[in-house]
């Protein structure tokens, strides 16, 4: 029974891996393990306004005013692999801090893989 439920969850994640996020803040958060605080590591690409979740291998990007979660970027969005900032958050929706990140890491500057801890309580 547990294997079936896990398989259904994984299948649902693949089916809904590329969805527009309108009217809700993002993909459903995963519940943290009992007694543990979840930490998510993201690469933020300032020139493209893109986040990449290192562990889940998911990109978050803006399209027509909505945040999209997808395993690959559309061909219209080009990121430079050497131009990112590493950010640790305790949330699974990094774009809730987008305004702060956009101000802190403006496009066009070189960053030394800055490691920030935002949203950690």
N, C-alpha and C. Protein backbone atom coordinates (compact mmCIF):
# COMPACT_ATOMS: atom_id res chain seq x y z
N UNK A 1 0.83 -1.20 0.00
CA UNK A 1 0.00 0.00 0.00
C UNK A 1 0.87 1.26 0.00
N UNK A 2 1.93 1.26 0.84
CA UNK A 2 2.80 2.43 0.90
C UNK A 2 3.54 2.62 -0.42
N UNK A 3 3.96 1.53 -1.04
CA UNK A 3 4.66 1.62 -2.32
C UNK A 3 3.74 2.19 -3.40
N UNK A 4 2.48 1.77 -3.39
CA UNK A 4 1.52 2.27 -4.37
C UNK A 4 1.30 3.76 -4.19
N UNK A 5 1.14 4.19 -2.95
CA UNK A 5 0.93 5.61 -2.67
C UNK A 5 2.15 6.42 -3.10
N UNK A 6 3.34 5.94 -2.81
CA UNK A 6 4.56 6.63 -3.20
C UNK A 6 4.67 6.71 -4.72
N UNK A 7 4.34 5.61 -5.39
CA UNK A 7 4.39 5.58 -6.85
C UNK A 7 3.41 6.59 -7.44
N UNK A 8 2.21 6.69 -6.86
CA UNK A 8 1.22 7.65 -7.34
C UNK A 8 1.69 9.10 -7.14
N UNK A 9 2.34 9.35 -6.03
CA UNK A 9 2.86 10.70 -5.75
C UNK A 9 3.93 11.06 -6.76
N UNK A 10 4.84 10.14 -7.01
CA UNK A 10 5.91 10.40 -7.98
C UNK A 10 5.33 10.60 -9.37
N UNK A 11 4.37 9.78 -9.74
CA UNK A 11 3.73 9.91 -11.04
C UNK A 11 3.04 11.27 -11.17
N UNK A 12 2.36 11.69 -10.13
CA UNK A 12 1.68 12.98 -10.15
C UNK A 12 2.67 14.13 -10.29
N UNK A 13 3.84 13.99 -9.66
CA UNK A 13 4.86 15.03 -9.78
C UNK A 13 5.35 15.15 -11.22
N UNK A 14 5.53 14.02 -11.90
CA UNK A 14 5.98 14.07 -13.28
C UNK A 14 4.90 14.65 -14.19
N UNK A 15 3.68 14.29 -13.95
CA UNK A 15 2.59 14.77 -14.80
C UNK A 15 2.41 16.26 -14.65
N UNK A 16 2.56 16.78 -13.45
CA UNK A 16 2.35 18.20 -13.19
C UNK A 16 3.66 18.96 -13.10
N UNK A 17 4.73 18.47 -13.71
CA UNK A 17 6.04 19.10 -13.56
C UNK A 17 6.14 20.44 -14.26
N UNK A 18 5.27 20.74 -15.17
CA UNK A 18 5.32 22.02 -15.87
C UNK A 18 3.94 22.64 -15.87
N UNK A 19 3.70 23.45 -14.87
CA UNK A 19 2.38 24.06 -14.75
C UNK A 19 2.51 25.54 -14.46
N UNK A 20 1.60 26.30 -14.98
CA UNK A 20 1.55 27.73 -14.66
C UNK A 20 0.98 27.86 -13.26
N UNK A 21 1.51 28.80 -12.55
CA UNK A 21 1.09 28.97 -11.17
C UNK A 21 0.31 30.28 -11.10
N UNK A 22 -0.98 30.19 -11.20
CA UNK A 22 -1.83 31.37 -11.13
C UNK A 22 -2.85 31.16 -10.02
N UNK A 23 -3.01 32.16 -9.23
CA UNK A 23 -4.01 32.09 -8.18
C UNK A 23 -3.54 31.32 -6.94
N UNK A 24 -2.35 30.75 -7.01
CA UNK A 24 -1.79 30.11 -5.81
C UNK A 24 -0.29 30.35 -5.84
N UNK A 25 0.35 30.34 -4.69
CA UNK A 25 1.75 30.74 -4.63
C UNK A 25 2.75 29.76 -5.23
N UNK A 26 2.38 28.54 -5.54
CA UNK A 26 3.33 27.63 -6.17
C UNK A 26 2.99 26.18 -5.93
N UNK A 27 3.91 25.31 -6.33
CA UNK A 27 3.66 23.89 -6.10
C UNK A 27 3.44 23.60 -4.62
N UNK A 28 2.68 22.58 -4.34
CA UNK A 28 2.42 22.25 -2.93
C UNK A 28 3.72 21.94 -2.21
N UNK A 29 3.89 22.50 -1.02
CA UNK A 29 5.11 22.22 -0.27
C UNK A 29 5.12 20.78 0.24
N UNK A 30 6.30 20.21 0.27
CA UNK A 30 6.45 18.87 0.83
C UNK A 30 6.54 19.00 2.34
N UNK A 31 5.91 18.11 3.08
CA UNK A 31 5.99 18.21 4.53
C UNK A 31 7.39 17.86 5.01
N UNK A 32 7.95 18.62 5.95
CA UNK A 32 9.27 18.31 6.46
C UNK A 32 9.23 17.06 7.34
N UNK A 33 10.35 16.40 7.45
CA UNK A 33 10.45 15.23 8.32
C UNK A 33 10.27 15.69 9.76
N UNK A 34 9.73 14.83 10.59
CA UNK A 34 9.47 15.18 11.98
C UNK A 34 10.77 15.58 12.68
N UNK A 35 10.77 16.77 13.27
CA UNK A 35 11.94 17.23 14.01
C UNK A 35 13.01 17.87 13.13
N UNK A 36 12.81 17.93 11.82
CA UNK A 36 13.81 18.51 10.92
C UNK A 36 13.24 19.76 10.26
N UNK A 37 14.10 20.71 10.01
CA UNK A 37 13.70 21.88 9.26
C UNK A 37 14.26 21.72 7.85
N UNK A 38 13.38 21.80 6.88
CA UNK A 38 13.79 21.60 5.49
C UNK A 38 14.65 22.77 5.03
N UNK A 39 15.72 22.46 4.34
CA UNK A 39 16.57 23.46 3.74
C UNK A 39 16.64 23.17 2.25
N UNK A 40 16.38 24.19 1.46
CA UNK A 40 16.43 24.05 0.01
C UNK A 40 17.57 24.91 -0.51
N UNK A 41 18.32 24.36 -1.44
CA UNK A 41 19.42 25.08 -2.06
C UNK A 41 19.01 25.42 -3.49
N UNK A 42 19.14 26.70 -3.81
CA UNK A 42 18.77 27.20 -5.13
C UNK A 42 19.94 27.90 -5.78
N UNK A 43 20.01 27.80 -7.09
CA UNK A 43 20.87 28.67 -7.88
C UNK A 43 19.95 29.73 -8.45
N UNK A 44 20.28 30.98 -8.20
CA UNK A 44 19.50 32.09 -8.74
C UNK A 44 20.32 32.75 -9.84
N UNK A 45 19.73 32.85 -11.02
CA UNK A 45 20.36 33.46 -12.18
C UNK A 45 19.79 34.87 -12.37
N UNK A 46 20.50 35.90 -11.87
CA UNK A 46 19.95 37.26 -11.89
C UNK A 46 19.62 37.80 -13.28
N UNK A 47 20.40 37.46 -14.29
CA UNK A 47 20.16 38.03 -15.61
C UNK A 47 18.91 37.46 -16.28
N UNK A 48 18.46 36.29 -15.82
CA UNK A 48 17.28 35.65 -16.42
C UNK A 48 16.09 35.58 -15.46
N UNK A 49 16.29 36.00 -14.20
CA UNK A 49 15.26 35.88 -13.16
C UNK A 49 14.78 34.43 -13.05
N UNK A 50 15.73 33.52 -12.92
CA UNK A 50 15.44 32.10 -12.87
C UNK A 50 16.05 31.51 -11.60
N UNK A 51 15.29 30.61 -10.97
CA UNK A 51 15.78 29.83 -9.84
C UNK A 51 15.89 28.37 -10.29
N UNK A 52 16.89 27.67 -9.77
CA UNK A 52 17.01 26.23 -10.01
C UNK A 52 17.14 25.56 -8.67
N UNK A 53 16.23 24.65 -8.37
CA UNK A 53 16.26 23.88 -7.13
C UNK A 53 17.24 22.73 -7.33
N UNK A 54 18.36 22.77 -6.62
CA UNK A 54 19.44 21.81 -6.81
C UNK A 54 18.99 20.38 -6.49
N UNK A 55 18.24 20.21 -5.44
CA UNK A 55 17.84 18.86 -5.02
C UNK A 55 16.71 18.27 -5.85
N UNK A 56 15.71 19.10 -6.15
CA UNK A 56 14.56 18.60 -6.91
C UNK A 56 14.75 18.70 -8.42
N UNK A 57 15.81 19.40 -8.85
CA UNK A 57 16.11 19.56 -10.29
C UNK A 57 14.95 20.21 -11.03
N UNK A 58 14.45 21.31 -10.47
CA UNK A 58 13.32 22.03 -11.04
C UNK A 58 13.71 23.50 -11.20
N UNK A 59 13.35 24.06 -12.34
CA UNK A 59 13.53 25.49 -12.58
C UNK A 59 12.24 26.21 -12.24
N UNK A 60 12.39 27.44 -11.75
CA UNK A 60 11.26 28.34 -11.54
C UNK A 60 11.56 29.60 -12.34
N UNK A 61 10.64 29.99 -13.22
CA UNK A 61 10.85 31.17 -14.03
C UNK A 61 9.54 31.89 -14.26
N UNK A 62 9.66 33.17 -14.59
CA UNK A 62 8.48 34.01 -14.84
C UNK A 62 8.07 33.92 -16.30
N UNK A 63 6.78 33.77 -16.52
CA UNK A 63 6.23 33.77 -17.87
C UNK A 63 4.87 34.45 -17.82
N UNK A 64 4.74 35.56 -18.48
CA UNK A 64 3.48 36.32 -18.51
C UNK A 64 2.96 36.63 -17.11
N UNK A 65 3.86 37.00 -16.22
CA UNK A 65 3.47 37.40 -14.87
C UNK A 65 3.20 36.27 -13.89
N UNK A 66 3.35 35.02 -14.33
CA UNK A 66 3.12 33.87 -13.44
C UNK A 66 4.42 33.08 -13.32
N UNK A 67 4.63 32.51 -12.15
CA UNK A 67 5.80 31.66 -11.94
C UNK A 67 5.49 30.26 -12.45
N UNK A 68 6.43 29.71 -13.19
CA UNK A 68 6.31 28.38 -13.78
C UNK A 68 7.35 27.48 -13.14
N UNK A 69 6.97 26.25 -12.84
CA UNK A 69 7.90 25.23 -12.34
C UNK A 69 8.02 24.17 -13.42
N UNK A 70 9.27 23.88 -13.83
CA UNK A 70 9.47 22.92 -14.91
C UNK A 70 10.87 22.29 -14.81
N UNK A 71 11.01 21.06 -15.30
CA UNK A 71 12.32 20.39 -15.25
C UNK A 71 13.32 20.96 -16.28
N UNK A 72 12.83 21.69 -17.29
CA UNK A 72 13.70 22.32 -18.29
C UNK A 72 13.17 23.73 -18.57
N UNK A 73 14.07 24.59 -19.03
CA UNK A 73 13.67 25.95 -19.39
C UNK A 73 13.22 25.99 -20.84
N UNK A 74 12.31 26.89 -21.16
CA UNK A 74 11.93 27.05 -22.57
C UNK A 74 13.12 27.62 -23.34
N UNK A 75 13.16 27.40 -24.65
CA UNK A 75 14.29 27.89 -25.44
C UNK A 75 14.44 29.41 -25.45
N UNK A 76 13.39 30.12 -25.06
CA UNK A 76 13.46 31.58 -25.03
C UNK A 76 14.23 32.11 -23.82
N UNK A 77 14.48 31.26 -22.83
CA UNK A 77 15.23 31.67 -21.64
C UNK A 77 16.60 31.01 -21.69
N UNK A 78 17.61 31.86 -21.72
CA UNK A 78 18.99 31.37 -21.77
C UNK A 78 19.71 31.80 -20.50
N UNK A 79 20.30 30.84 -19.82
CA UNK A 79 21.08 31.16 -18.63
C UNK A 79 22.54 30.81 -18.90
N UNK A 80 23.41 31.54 -18.23
CA UNK A 80 24.84 31.25 -18.32
C UNK A 80 25.20 30.41 -17.11
N UNK A 81 25.78 29.24 -17.34
CA UNK A 81 26.09 28.33 -16.22
C UNK A 81 27.02 28.93 -15.18
N UNK A 82 27.84 29.91 -15.56
CA UNK A 82 28.78 30.49 -14.61
C UNK A 82 28.23 31.74 -13.91
N UNK A 83 27.00 32.09 -14.18
CA UNK A 83 26.43 33.31 -13.63
C UNK A 83 25.25 33.01 -12.71
N UNK A 84 25.54 32.53 -11.52
CA UNK A 84 24.47 32.28 -10.56
C UNK A 84 24.92 32.59 -9.15
N UNK A 85 23.95 32.72 -8.28
CA UNK A 85 24.17 32.94 -6.85
C UNK A 85 23.53 31.77 -6.13
N UNK A 86 24.23 31.17 -5.19
CA UNK A 86 23.67 30.07 -4.40
C UNK A 86 22.92 30.65 -3.20
N UNK A 87 21.68 30.24 -3.05
CA UNK A 87 20.83 30.74 -1.96
C UNK A 87 20.21 29.56 -1.23
N UNK A 88 20.24 29.60 0.09
CA UNK A 88 19.58 28.58 0.91
C UNK A 88 18.33 29.17 1.52
N UNK A 89 17.24 28.46 1.39
CA UNK A 89 15.96 28.91 1.94
C UNK A 89 15.28 27.77 2.68
N UNK A 90 14.40 28.12 3.58
CA UNK A 90 13.60 27.09 4.26
C UNK A 90 12.21 26.98 3.65
N UNK A 91 12.08 27.46 2.42
CA UNK A 91 10.81 27.38 1.70
C UNK A 91 11.03 26.67 0.36
N UNK A 92 9.99 26.04 -0.16
CA UNK A 92 10.13 25.36 -1.45
C UNK A 92 9.62 26.21 -2.61
N UNK A 93 9.39 27.49 -2.34
CA UNK A 93 8.98 28.45 -3.37
C UNK A 93 9.91 29.65 -3.30
N UNK A 94 11.07 29.58 -3.95
CA UNK A 94 12.05 30.67 -3.79
C UNK A 94 11.56 32.01 -4.29
N UNK A 95 10.63 32.00 -5.21
CA UNK A 95 10.16 33.25 -5.82
C UNK A 95 9.39 34.13 -4.85
N UNK A 96 9.04 33.64 -3.68
CA UNK A 96 8.39 34.52 -2.71
C UNK A 96 9.37 35.59 -2.21
N UNK A 97 10.68 35.34 -2.40
CA UNK A 97 11.72 36.31 -2.05
C UNK A 97 12.27 37.01 -3.30
N UNK A 98 11.59 36.90 -4.42
CA UNK A 98 12.10 37.42 -5.68
C UNK A 98 12.42 38.91 -5.62
N UNK A 99 11.52 39.72 -5.07
CA UNK A 99 11.77 41.16 -4.99
C UNK A 99 13.06 41.46 -4.22
N UNK A 100 13.26 40.74 -3.14
CA UNK A 100 14.47 40.92 -2.34
C UNK A 100 15.71 40.47 -3.13
N UNK A 101 15.63 39.32 -3.80
CA UNK A 101 16.77 38.81 -4.56
C UNK A 101 17.09 39.70 -5.75
N UNK A 102 16.06 40.22 -6.40
CA UNK A 102 16.26 41.08 -7.56
C UNK A 102 17.00 42.35 -7.15
N UNK A 103 16.70 42.88 -5.96
CA UNK A 103 17.39 44.08 -5.47
C UNK A 103 18.81 43.74 -5.00
N UNK A 104 18.94 42.63 -4.30
CA UNK A 104 20.24 42.24 -3.75
C UNK A 104 21.23 41.79 -4.83
N UNK A 105 20.72 41.17 -5.88
CA UNK A 105 21.57 40.65 -6.95
C UNK A 105 21.09 41.17 -8.31
N UNK A 106 21.35 42.45 -8.59
CA UNK A 106 20.88 42.99 -9.87
C UNK A 106 21.56 42.32 -11.06
N UNK A 107 20.85 42.22 -12.17
CA UNK A 107 21.43 41.61 -13.38
C UNK A 107 22.63 42.42 -13.88
N UNK A 108 23.52 41.74 -14.58
CA UNK A 108 24.65 42.41 -15.19
C UNK A 108 25.90 42.48 -14.35
N UNK A 109 25.82 42.09 -13.08
CA UNK A 109 27.00 42.09 -12.22
C UNK A 109 27.55 40.68 -12.10
N UNK A 110 28.83 40.59 -11.82
CA UNK A 110 29.46 39.28 -11.58
C UNK A 110 29.37 38.99 -10.09
N UNK A 111 28.95 37.78 -9.77
CA UNK A 111 28.84 37.39 -8.37
C UNK A 111 29.73 36.18 -8.12
N UNK A 112 30.32 36.12 -6.97
CA UNK A 112 31.18 35.02 -6.62
C UNK A 112 30.39 33.95 -5.89
N UNK A 113 29.48 33.36 -6.56
CA UNK A 113 28.69 32.27 -6.00
C UNK A 113 28.33 32.52 -4.53
N UNK A 114 27.80 33.69 -4.32
CA UNK A 114 27.38 34.13 -2.98
C UNK A 114 26.46 33.09 -2.36
N UNK A 115 26.66 32.86 -1.09
CA UNK A 115 25.79 31.93 -0.38
C UNK A 115 25.03 32.72 0.68
N UNK A 116 23.75 32.90 0.45
CA UNK A 116 22.94 33.63 1.40
C UNK A 116 21.98 32.70 2.11
N UNK A 117 21.61 33.05 3.32
CA UNK A 117 20.65 32.26 4.06
C UNK A 117 19.45 33.16 4.34
N UNK A 118 18.52 33.15 3.41
CA UNK A 118 17.33 33.99 3.55
C UNK A 118 16.16 33.10 3.93
N UNK A 119 15.31 33.61 4.76
CA UNK A 119 14.11 32.88 5.10
C UNK A 119 14.35 31.79 6.14
N UNK A 120 15.55 31.68 6.64
CA UNK A 120 15.83 30.66 7.66
C UNK A 120 15.40 31.23 9.01
N UNK A 121 14.56 30.52 9.69
CA UNK A 121 14.07 31.00 11.00
C UNK A 121 14.68 30.17 12.10
